[in-house]
Each structure stands twice: as structure tokens, then as C-alpha cells.
Amino acid sequence: MAFDARAESTTRTPTLQTPRNGDLPSKARKLPYLPGRGLRWLARFLEVARCYMKEIRACIGHFPLEVVLFGLRRGFAADRVLLYGRDAVQSGRYLSDLQRQFSRFINPKPVRELLEDKLLFESLAKQFVRVPRNYLYCDNKRLVVLTDEWPEIALSDNSSQQKRFVMKRSRGGGGVGISFVDVKPESVLVDDTPMTLDRFYEVFKERDDRILCEFIQQSDFCALIYPHTTNSIRVICMRDRDGEPFIARAVLRLGTTQSKGVDNFGRGGLSVDIDLETGKLGTAVQHNAKSPRAPLVYENHPDTGAPLRGQSLPRWGEARDRSLLLMRQLPFINYVGWDIILTEQDPVFLEGNNYTGVRLAQAHSGLLDEPRICDFYRRFGII
């Protein structure tokens, strides 16, 4: 059930103007809504088609052709057909992969840029919630120091001091291209490879379009479940017709031996359903996006044996309420998937996903089961 904290808040956001079918170009009314007219509309439609067909092509060779064609006719990639089940795909209760591609335009362009760019996101969101601090940035092979604290950290001669950071792309996500950097006196370890500070700067510039940010220590609860990745929660937020934010779905993402150092569901991680009211965990789902088999369902973590089903997620209430707070403080965001790390103190907002992936949420049930969520997608012409 979607979570609404309206009764708990006296702050109201202004009513947002949303598109209606009558506003669409006549030639587009049978297709999901795309803002813009003429060549801009065509360019956006072609971008949606390109990204959707990329998902379809990724399944060819891994899944029987019959499954690929079955999904293609209904707007789903073949791996989602097996994840949700054929009957579910035909039920109309699941947001399709094609519809999800159209959702990239629900937010206006400045919002898409804000959510895509980790430097912009940090500078704005840190006024309202805790976010990882950025220390270095590289663009076009140029290194930029973002904080006065960096020279003190990098040049420290305190032999007992060691600080951990994360090097990742400054735009985009998906857990791709992440490295862990440990800075010690006279030495830097990049994914356990030792090098001098000068050599680290060279490596940083070679990879380009990177940031070096604070490493966030996850809560003891999440570390006990699976300590070899930083585990996070995905909170999908939307706005109702009055502009009031609500949470559509939330899941705990957990790493596994298969996901190789990240908690990414598409790379073999787990998705665990979270009860929005109580924070209690449901079952965990694991799905191999390259293997033609049904998903696996667990009540305990498959690698550590840690119990999941029925466990209460510590500090869930804070993460839930601050997700809604951030939506109220940034009323121009219509749709987002927050990635949040639970710590022993405040929840830390890693980033916001503009057209959030939905398979890790729909692994448990279809988003379109809930009328309020359907109304949101319908207002923007996605369904």
C-alpha cells in the first residue's frame, strides 16, 4: 500500500499542473505522453525506442526466442517475463519496460539534470538531508579539489589515520565503475592496489568524469545481514493530484556473492519488500537477468543465513519521513527513486533516480495493483 504522511505534515506544496490527454498532439494520443512537439517529440520517442530495444537485444541469446517475442509484444523484456510470470505480464497489473522508458520525461529537464548530476544533487539536497560529501572531481582530465579538508587528509603524517572513500561516475548509476579508495600516510589503496598519491591522481584523471566522495558506514543491522557490500534502500516517491508526495514502494537491496561487491538487483543482488507503515521486511527475491529461470525467493539471506522475513528495519521511520520531507522541499520533482543508506545516525541519501527502475519493486507485486499509483502514471500519460 502506498504510504501517505499528509496527516503528519502541515506543509503543503503547490498544486502541480499535469498533462491531460487533450493536451497531446493528435498523432501521439495513442502513445504514452511525451512532452514537446514536432522534432523534439520525435527525438524523445526515438530515444525511448532505442533504450527499449537495447533491453530487448540484451535478452537475445540468453532466453528462448519465443519468450523474447512474447515479452516484446507486450512491452516487456524477456527476463521480466520470467521474473513476473506470463500471467502477470498479461494482467495489466505491472508497469511494462516500454512504459518505464516513457517515464523518463515525467520530470522536467532541469530536474532530470539535477538527479543525474551527483555534484548538483549534493549541493542542493544537503540543505535538507544528509548526503555523502564530495572531495574530488575530474572532468576532461582536469582534477578539481572540492573541499579545503582534502589536503589535510591526503598529506597527513599520522600513521594511525586511514580514511575510506568511494570513486564513482559523477553522472549515472547502476553500481558500474565503482572503486573503493583507502588513503593512508604515504600510500593510497585503490581496490586494494597500493600506489603513491601522485599515481592515484593520474588514475583518477585517466578514468575521467569521476568524483571521490565520502564512504558511508552502514548500520550494524544491514552489515550483519551481508557485510561485503554497502546495502541500501530504494524508496519510490510520487505526487498525487494535489501535489502532495507519497511513497509508492520501498525495498531493501542486499548484496550477495553473485552481485560482486554491489547491492544491484540486476547483477544478482536481493530485493526485500518493506512494509511502508511498520518497516517490517518481507521475503527476498533474487533474479538472474541472464538466465532463463524463475526467480528465487528466500526468507533468510542465501549466503549468510541472516533472517529477513518479519525483521523490523531499524530507523525506517526516519528514512520514510525524510524521503517525503525532501520531496516537499523540492516541489519541482514529480517522480524519483531515492537510494538511501541506513546508518547508526541519520539516513544518508546517496542519489535520486529520475526514471527509477521498477523491476526490483515489482518482483514482489505489480505497481499497477494500487489505484493511487495508477492515477499518477495515468495523469502523465504513461498508462
Protein backbone atom coordinates (compact mmCIF):
# COMPACT_ATOMS: atom_id res chain seq x y z
CA MET A 1 0.00 0.00 0.00
CA ALA A 2 1.34 3.46 -0.87
CA PHE A 3 2.34 5.49 2.18
CA ASP A 4 0.95 8.98 2.76
CA ALA A 5 2.19 11.19 5.56
CA ARG A 6 -0.18 14.06 4.75
CA ALA A 7 -1.80 13.93 8.17
CA GLU A 8 1.61 14.32 9.81
CA SER A 9 2.61 17.44 7.92
CA THR A 10 1.20 20.93 7.87
CA THR A 11 3.39 21.91 4.94
CA ARG A 12 1.61 21.88 1.63
CA THR A 13 3.23 22.01 -1.76
CA PRO A 14 1.57 23.93 -4.57
CA THR A 15 -0.70 22.07 -6.95
CA LEU A 16 1.30 20.78 -9.89
CA GLN A 17 -0.03 21.15 -13.39
CA THR A 18 -0.10 17.77 -15.07
CA PRO A 19 -0.69 16.89 -18.71
CA ARG A 20 -4.01 15.51 -19.84
CA ASN A 21 -4.82 13.55 -22.96
CA GLY A 22 -6.42 16.59 -24.55
CA ASP A 23 -3.08 18.40 -24.44
CA LEU A 24 -1.29 15.80 -26.56
CA PRO A 25 -0.51 16.16 -30.25
CA SER A 26 -3.25 14.35 -32.15
CA LYS A 27 -0.81 11.89 -33.71
CA ALA A 28 0.51 10.94 -30.27
CA ARG A 29 -2.70 10.27 -28.38
CA LYS A 30 -2.47 6.52 -28.75
CA LEU A 31 1.07 6.53 -27.33
CA PRO A 32 2.34 7.34 -23.84
CA TYR A 33 2.74 11.04 -23.22
CA LEU A 34 5.92 12.77 -24.36
CA PRO A 35 6.29 16.50 -23.71
CA GLY A 36 7.26 18.68 -26.64
CA ARG A 37 6.10 18.98 -30.21
CA GLY A 38 7.38 18.26 -33.67
CA LEU A 39 11.04 17.31 -33.91
CA ARG A 40 11.54 17.39 -30.13
CA TRP A 41 8.69 14.92 -29.65
CA LEU A 42 10.13 12.69 -32.39
CA ALA A 43 13.63 12.80 -30.87
CA ARG A 44 12.28 11.77 -27.49
CA PHE A 45 10.19 9.00 -28.97
CA LEU A 46 13.23 7.65 -30.84
CA GLU A 47 15.30 7.78 -27.63
CA VAL A 48 12.64 5.75 -25.81
CA ALA A 49 12.51 3.23 -28.65
CA ARG A 50 16.32 2.95 -28.75
CA CYS A 51 16.61 2.28 -25.00
CA TYR A 52 13.74 -0.20 -25.03
CA MET A 53 15.20 -2.14 -27.96
CA LYS A 54 18.56 -2.19 -26.16
CA GLU A 55 16.86 -4.05 -23.31
CA ILE A 56 15.27 -6.46 -25.79
CA ARG A 57 18.56 -7.13 -27.59
CA ALA A 58 20.30 -7.85 -24.28
CA CYS A 59 17.97 -10.81 -23.82
CA ILE A 60 18.62 -12.38 -27.23
CA GLY A 61 20.90 -15.36 -26.86
CA HIS A 62 20.11 -15.79 -23.19
CA PHE A 63 16.40 -16.59 -23.49
CA PRO A 64 14.35 -18.69 -25.93
CA LEU A 65 13.19 -16.64 -28.92
CA GLU A 66 9.58 -17.46 -28.09
CA VAL A 67 9.95 -15.80 -24.67
CA VAL A 68 11.63 -12.76 -26.23
CA LEU A 69 8.78 -12.34 -28.73
CA PHE A 70 6.13 -12.92 -26.06
CA GLY A 71 7.57 -10.08 -24.00
CA LEU A 72 8.17 -7.82 -26.98
CA ARG A 73 4.50 -7.95 -27.99
CA ARG A 74 3.53 -6.79 -24.50
CA GLY A 75 6.25 -4.24 -23.83
CA PHE A 76 8.43 -6.40 -21.55
CA ALA A 77 11.99 -7.66 -21.82
CA ALA A 78 12.29 -11.45 -21.69
CA ASP A 79 13.90 -11.58 -18.25
CA ARG A 80 10.92 -9.66 -16.79
CA VAL A 81 8.56 -12.22 -18.30
CA LEU A 82 10.24 -14.85 -16.14
CA LEU A 83 10.56 -12.52 -13.14
CA TYR A 84 6.87 -11.58 -13.04
CA GLY A 85 5.36 -14.61 -14.76
CA ARG A 86 3.40 -14.81 -18.02
CA ASP A 87 0.01 -14.42 -16.40
CA ALA A 88 1.21 -11.32 -14.52
CA VAL A 89 2.61 -9.78 -17.71
CA GLN A 90 -0.79 -10.17 -19.37
CA SER A 91 -2.76 -9.00 -16.33
CA GLY A 92 -2.22 -5.26 -16.76
CA ARG A 93 -1.04 -5.01 -13.13
CA TYR A 94 2.63 -4.47 -13.97
CA LEU A 95 4.29 -1.38 -15.42
CA SER A 96 5.95 -2.58 -18.61
CA ASP A 97 9.54 -1.89 -19.59
CA LEU A 98 8.36 0.25 -22.50
CA GLN A 99 6.13 2.31 -20.20
CA ARG A 100 9.01 2.70 -17.78
CA GLN A 101 11.15 4.14 -20.60
CA PHE A 102 8.48 6.78 -21.26
CA SER A 103 8.56 7.72 -17.56
CA ARG A 104 11.97 9.34 -18.06
CA PHE A 105 10.11 12.51 -19.16
CA ILE A 106 7.76 12.80 -16.16
CA ASN A 107 10.20 15.25 -14.57
CA PRO A 108 11.07 18.46 -16.44
CA LYS A 109 14.54 18.72 -17.94
CA PRO A 110 16.17 20.78 -15.12
CA VAL A 111 15.04 18.12 -12.62
CA ARG A 112 16.43 15.34 -14.77
CA GLU A 113 19.78 17.15 -14.84
CA LEU A 114 19.69 17.66 -11.07
CA LEU A 115 19.05 14.00 -10.35
CA GLU A 116 21.60 12.83 -12.91
CA ASP A 117 24.46 15.01 -11.68
CA LYS A 118 25.85 13.94 -8.28
CA LEU A 119 27.58 17.27 -7.69
CA LEU A 120 24.37 19.23 -8.23
CA PHE A 121 22.39 16.80 -6.12
CA GLU A 122 24.78 17.09 -3.18
CA SER A 123 24.83 20.90 -3.26
CA LEU A 124 21.03 21.14 -3.14
CA ALA A 125 19.94 18.14 -1.08
CA LYS A 126 22.46 18.68 1.74
CA GLN A 127 20.36 21.62 2.93
CA PHE A 128 17.59 19.23 3.96
CA VAL A 129 19.05 15.72 4.45
CA ARG A 130 22.40 14.09 4.99
CA VAL A 131 24.28 13.25 1.79
CA PRO A 132 27.82 11.92 1.13
CA ARG A 133 30.41 14.69 0.97
CA ASN A 134 32.33 15.07 -2.30
CA TYR A 135 36.09 15.70 -2.12
CA LEU A 136 37.49 15.46 -5.66
CA TYR A 137 36.06 15.81 -9.16
CA CYS A 138 37.58 15.17 -12.57
CA ASP A 139 36.23 16.43 -15.89
CA ASN A 140 38.10 16.43 -19.21
CA LYS A 141 41.21 15.14 -17.40
CA ARG A 142 41.19 18.15 -15.06
CA LEU A 143 41.27 17.47 -11.32
CA VAL A 144 39.29 19.75 -9.03
CA VAL A 145 39.59 19.75 -5.23
CA LEU A 146 36.13 20.42 -3.79
CA THR A 147 36.91 20.91 -0.11
CA ASP A 148 39.62 22.54 2.00
CA GLU A 149 39.81 19.37 4.09
CA TRP A 150 41.33 17.28 1.29
CA PRO A 151 44.99 18.46 1.56
CA GLU A 152 44.94 17.74 5.30
CA ILE A 153 43.63 14.22 4.66
CA ALA A 154 45.91 13.44 1.72
CA LEU A 155 49.11 14.82 3.27
CA SER A 156 48.58 13.64 6.85
CA ASP A 157 51.60 12.05 8.55
CA ASN A 158 49.50 10.42 11.27
CA SER A 159 50.43 6.76 10.92
CA SER A 160 47.22 5.61 12.59
CA GLN A 161 44.97 7.57 10.23
CA GLN A 162 43.24 5.82 7.36
CA LYS A 163 40.15 7.11 5.60
CA ARG A 164 37.98 5.33 3.07
CA PHE A 165 36.33 6.97 0.06
CA VAL A 166 34.30 5.90 -2.95
CA MET A 167 35.33 6.75 -6.51
CA LYS A 168 32.42 6.63 -8.96
CA ARG A 169 30.98 8.27 -12.02
CA SER A 170 29.75 11.80 -11.47
CA ARG A 171 26.67 11.09 -13.57
CA GLY A 172 24.51 8.00 -13.92
CA GLY A 173 24.39 4.98 -11.62
CA GLY A 174 23.75 1.25 -11.61
CA GLY A 175 26.74 0.36 -9.46
CA VAL A 176 29.04 0.38 -12.52
CA GLY A 177 32.61 1.65 -12.29
CA ILE A 178 32.76 1.96 -8.50
CA SER A 179 36.13 1.72 -6.73
CA PHE A 180 36.98 1.92 -3.04
CA VAL A 181 39.87 4.19 -2.13
CA ASP A 182 41.75 4.00 1.19
CA VAL A 183 44.02 6.97 1.91
CA LYS A 184 46.86 6.39 4.36
CA PRO A 185 50.06 8.35 5.07
CA GLU A 186 52.36 7.99 2.05
CA SER A 187 50.09 5.44 0.37
CA VAL A 188 46.76 5.11 -1.39
CA LEU A 189 44.91 1.83 -2.00
CA VAL A 190 42.53 1.69 -4.96
CA ASP A 191 40.57 -1.55 -4.70
CA ASP A 192 43.45 -2.89 -2.56
CA THR A 193 46.08 -1.92 -5.17
CA PRO A 194 48.76 0.26 -3.49
CA MET A 195 50.08 3.38 -5.20
CA THR A 196 51.52 6.78 -4.41
CA LEU A 197 49.29 9.83 -4.08
CA ASP A 198 50.61 11.22 -7.39
CA ARG A 199 49.85 7.93 -9.14
CA PHE A 200 46.34 7.97 -7.66
CA TYR A 201 45.77 11.43 -9.13
CA GLU A 202 46.84 10.09 -12.53
CA VAL A 203 44.47 7.11 -12.25
CA PHE A 204 41.67 9.42 -11.18
CA LYS A 205 42.19 11.66 -14.22
CA GLU A 206 42.53 8.68 -16.58
CA ARG A 207 39.11 7.38 -15.62
CA ASP A 208 37.66 10.89 -16.06
CA ASP A 209 34.15 12.13 -15.21
CA ARG A 210 34.59 10.83 -11.66
CA ILE A 211 34.01 12.04 -8.14
CA LEU A 212 35.66 10.95 -4.92
CA CYS A 213 33.11 11.00 -2.12
CA GLU A 214 32.74 10.02 1.49
CA PHE A 215 32.35 6.33 2.28
CA ILE A 216 29.22 5.78 4.37
CA GLN A 217 29.35 3.17 7.11
CA GLN A 218 26.08 1.23 7.03
CA SER A 219 24.10 0.30 10.13
CA ASP A 220 25.03 -2.76 12.16
CA PHE A 221 21.71 -4.34 11.19
CA CYS A 222 22.47 -4.15 7.45
CA ALA A 223 26.09 -5.20 7.94
CA LEU A 224 25.06 -8.29 9.90
CA ILE A 225 22.78 -9.40 7.07
CA TYR A 226 25.53 -9.09 4.46
CA PRO A 227 28.79 -7.31 5.34
CA HIS A 228 30.57 -7.46 1.96
CA THR A 229 28.53 -4.70 0.29
CA THR A 230 27.03 -1.42 1.38
CA ASN A 231 23.32 -2.28 1.35
CA SER A 232 20.75 0.42 0.60
CA ILE A 233 17.03 1.01 0.34
CA ARG A 234 15.18 2.24 -2.74
CA VAL A 235 12.20 4.47 -1.94
CA ILE A 236 9.96 5.32 -4.92
CA CYS A 237 8.13 8.64 -4.42
CA MET A 238 5.34 10.22 -6.49
CA ARG A 239 2.90 13.13 -6.17
CA ASP A 240 -0.86 12.97 -6.04
CA ARG A 241 -3.22 15.33 -7.85
CA ASP A 242 -2.84 17.96 -5.11
CA GLY A 243 0.95 17.92 -5.34
CA GLU A 244 1.33 16.02 -2.06
CA PRO A 245 4.14 13.43 -2.12
CA PHE A 246 3.58 9.81 -1.22
CA ILE A 247 5.71 6.68 -1.17
CA ALA A 248 4.63 4.10 -3.72
CA ARG A 249 7.03 1.31 -2.80
CA ALA A 250 10.24 0.69 -0.85
CA VAL A 251 12.65 -2.24 -0.90
CA LEU A 252 15.87 -3.16 0.87
CA ARG A 253 18.65 -4.02 -1.58
CA LEU A 254 21.20 -6.55 -0.39
CA GLY A 255 24.40 -7.76 -1.96
CA THR A 256 25.27 -11.42 -2.49
CA THR A 257 28.33 -13.35 -3.62
CA GLN A 258 26.83 -13.24 -7.11
CA SER A 259 26.47 -9.43 -7.18
CA LYS A 260 30.23 -8.96 -6.64
CA GLY A 261 30.57 -6.04 -4.25
CA VAL A 262 27.38 -4.09 -5.02
CA ASP A 263 23.74 -4.44 -3.97
CA ASN A 264 22.42 -4.14 -7.52
CA PHE A 265 19.35 -6.35 -8.16
CA GLY A 266 20.14 -6.66 -11.86
CA ARG A 267 23.57 -8.10 -11.06
CA GLY A 268 22.36 -10.80 -8.69
CA GLY A 269 21.53 -8.86 -5.52
CA LEU A 270 18.40 -9.32 -3.43
CA SER A 271 15.26 -7.20 -3.29
CA VAL A 272 13.41 -7.38 0.05
CA ASP A 273 9.96 -5.83 0.35
CA ILE A 274 9.47 -3.23 3.13
CA ASP A 275 6.11 -2.61 4.81
CA LEU A 276 5.73 1.17 4.49
CA GLU A 277 3.90 1.58 7.80
CA THR A 278 5.90 -0.69 10.10
CA GLY A 279 9.24 -1.19 8.36
CA LYS A 280 8.92 -4.97 8.63
CA LEU A 281 10.73 -6.95 5.95
CA GLY A 282 9.04 -9.45 3.66
CA THR A 283 10.64 -12.13 1.53
CA ALA A 284 13.78 -11.62 -0.54
CA VAL A 285 13.77 -12.16 -4.31
CA GLN A 286 16.85 -12.91 -6.41
CA HIS A 287 16.70 -12.97 -10.18
CA ASN A 288 19.43 -13.68 -12.71
CA ALA A 289 18.75 -11.34 -15.62
CA LYS A 290 20.84 -13.54 -17.95
CA SER A 291 19.39 -16.93 -17.00
CA PRO A 292 16.11 -18.39 -18.33
CA ARG A 293 14.72 -19.46 -14.97
CA ALA A 294 12.16 -18.24 -12.47
CA PRO A 295 13.34 -16.02 -9.58
CA LEU A 296 14.45 -17.48 -6.28
CA VAL A 297 12.63 -16.50 -3.07
CA TYR A 298 14.26 -16.54 0.37
CA GLU A 299 13.25 -15.87 3.95
CA ASN A 300 16.92 -15.78 5.03
CA HIS A 301 19.95 -14.37 3.23
CA PRO A 302 21.22 -17.18 0.97
CA ASP A 303 24.91 -16.56 1.80
CA THR A 304 24.93 -15.57 5.47
CA GLY A 305 21.72 -17.23 6.68
CA ALA A 306 20.66 -13.99 8.40
CA PRO A 307 16.86 -13.89 8.93
CA LEU A 308 14.91 -11.43 6.77
CA ARG A 309 11.17 -12.11 6.74
CA GLY A 310 9.46 -10.47 9.71
CA GLN A 311 12.51 -8.48 10.84
CA SER A 312 11.97 -4.79 11.63
CA LEU A 313 14.22 -2.40 9.73
CA PRO A 314 15.85 -0.04 12.29
CA ARG A 315 15.35 3.70 11.66
CA TRP A 316 12.95 3.02 8.79
CA GLY A 317 10.58 5.71 10.08
CA GLU A 318 13.29 8.37 9.74
CA ALA A 319 14.17 7.29 6.20
CA ARG A 320 10.49 7.27 5.21
CA ASP A 321 9.73 10.69 6.69
CA ARG A 322 12.84 12.34 5.29
CA SER A 323 12.07 10.96 1.83
CA LEU A 324 8.78 12.83 1.98
CA LEU A 325 10.43 15.90 3.54
CA LEU A 326 12.89 16.11 0.64
CA MET A 327 10.01 15.86 -1.84
CA ARG A 328 8.22 18.72 -0.07
CA GLN A 329 11.34 20.87 -0.01
CA LEU A 330 11.93 20.20 -3.73
CA PRO A 331 8.38 20.53 -5.11
CA PHE A 332 9.56 20.52 -8.73
CA ILE A 333 10.39 16.78 -8.50
CA ASN A 334 7.37 14.76 -9.61
CA TYR A 335 8.86 11.28 -9.57
CA VAL A 336 12.02 9.81 -8.07
CA GLY A 337 13.62 6.72 -6.61
CA TRP A 338 15.76 7.69 -3.62
CA ASP A 339 18.76 5.48 -2.80
CA ILE A 340 19.35 5.65 0.95
CA ILE A 341 21.92 4.06 3.27
CA LEU A 342 20.74 3.41 6.81
CA THR A 343 23.42 4.26 9.38
CA GLU A 344 23.55 4.28 13.18
CA GLN A 345 22.76 8.02 12.99
CA ASP A 346 20.87 9.72 10.16
CA PRO A 347 19.78 8.06 6.92
CA VAL A 348 22.11 9.12 4.09
CA PHE A 349 20.67 9.97 0.67
CA LEU A 350 23.08 8.72 -1.96
CA GLU A 351 21.18 9.90 -5.02
CA GLY A 352 17.83 10.23 -6.71
CA ASN A 353 16.93 8.21 -9.82
CA ASN A 354 14.95 10.15 -12.40
CA TYR A 355 13.11 7.24 -14.05
CA THR A 356 13.71 4.69 -11.38
CA GLY A 357 13.98 1.02 -12.23
CA VAL A 358 10.83 -0.81 -11.19
CA ARG A 359 11.67 -4.50 -11.53
CA LEU A 360 13.16 -4.70 -8.02
CA ALA A 361 9.84 -3.29 -6.70
CA GLN A 362 7.59 -5.33 -8.98
CA ALA A 363 9.48 -8.50 -8.09
CA HIS A 364 7.05 -8.57 -5.14
CA SER A 365 3.82 -7.32 -6.78
CA GLY A 366 2.72 -5.12 -9.64
CA LEU A 367 2.82 -1.37 -9.12
CA LEU A 368 -0.44 -1.01 -11.01
CA ASP A 369 -2.29 -3.00 -8.33
CA GLU A 370 -2.72 0.26 -6.40
CA PRO A 371 -5.23 2.88 -7.67
CA ARG A 372 -3.20 5.85 -6.43
CA ILE A 373 -0.13 4.71 -8.33
CA CYS A 374 -2.23 4.03 -11.43
CA ASP A 375 -3.67 7.53 -11.19
CA PHE A 376 -0.17 9.00 -11.07
CA TYR A 377 1.02 7.18 -14.18
CA ARG A 378 -2.28 7.91 -15.95
CA ARG A 379 -2.02 11.66 -15.29
CA PHE A 380 1.32 11.68 -17.09
CA GLY A 381 0.05 9.50 -19.93
CA ILE A 382 2.32 6.56 -19.10
CA ILE A 383 -0.60 4.11 -18.93
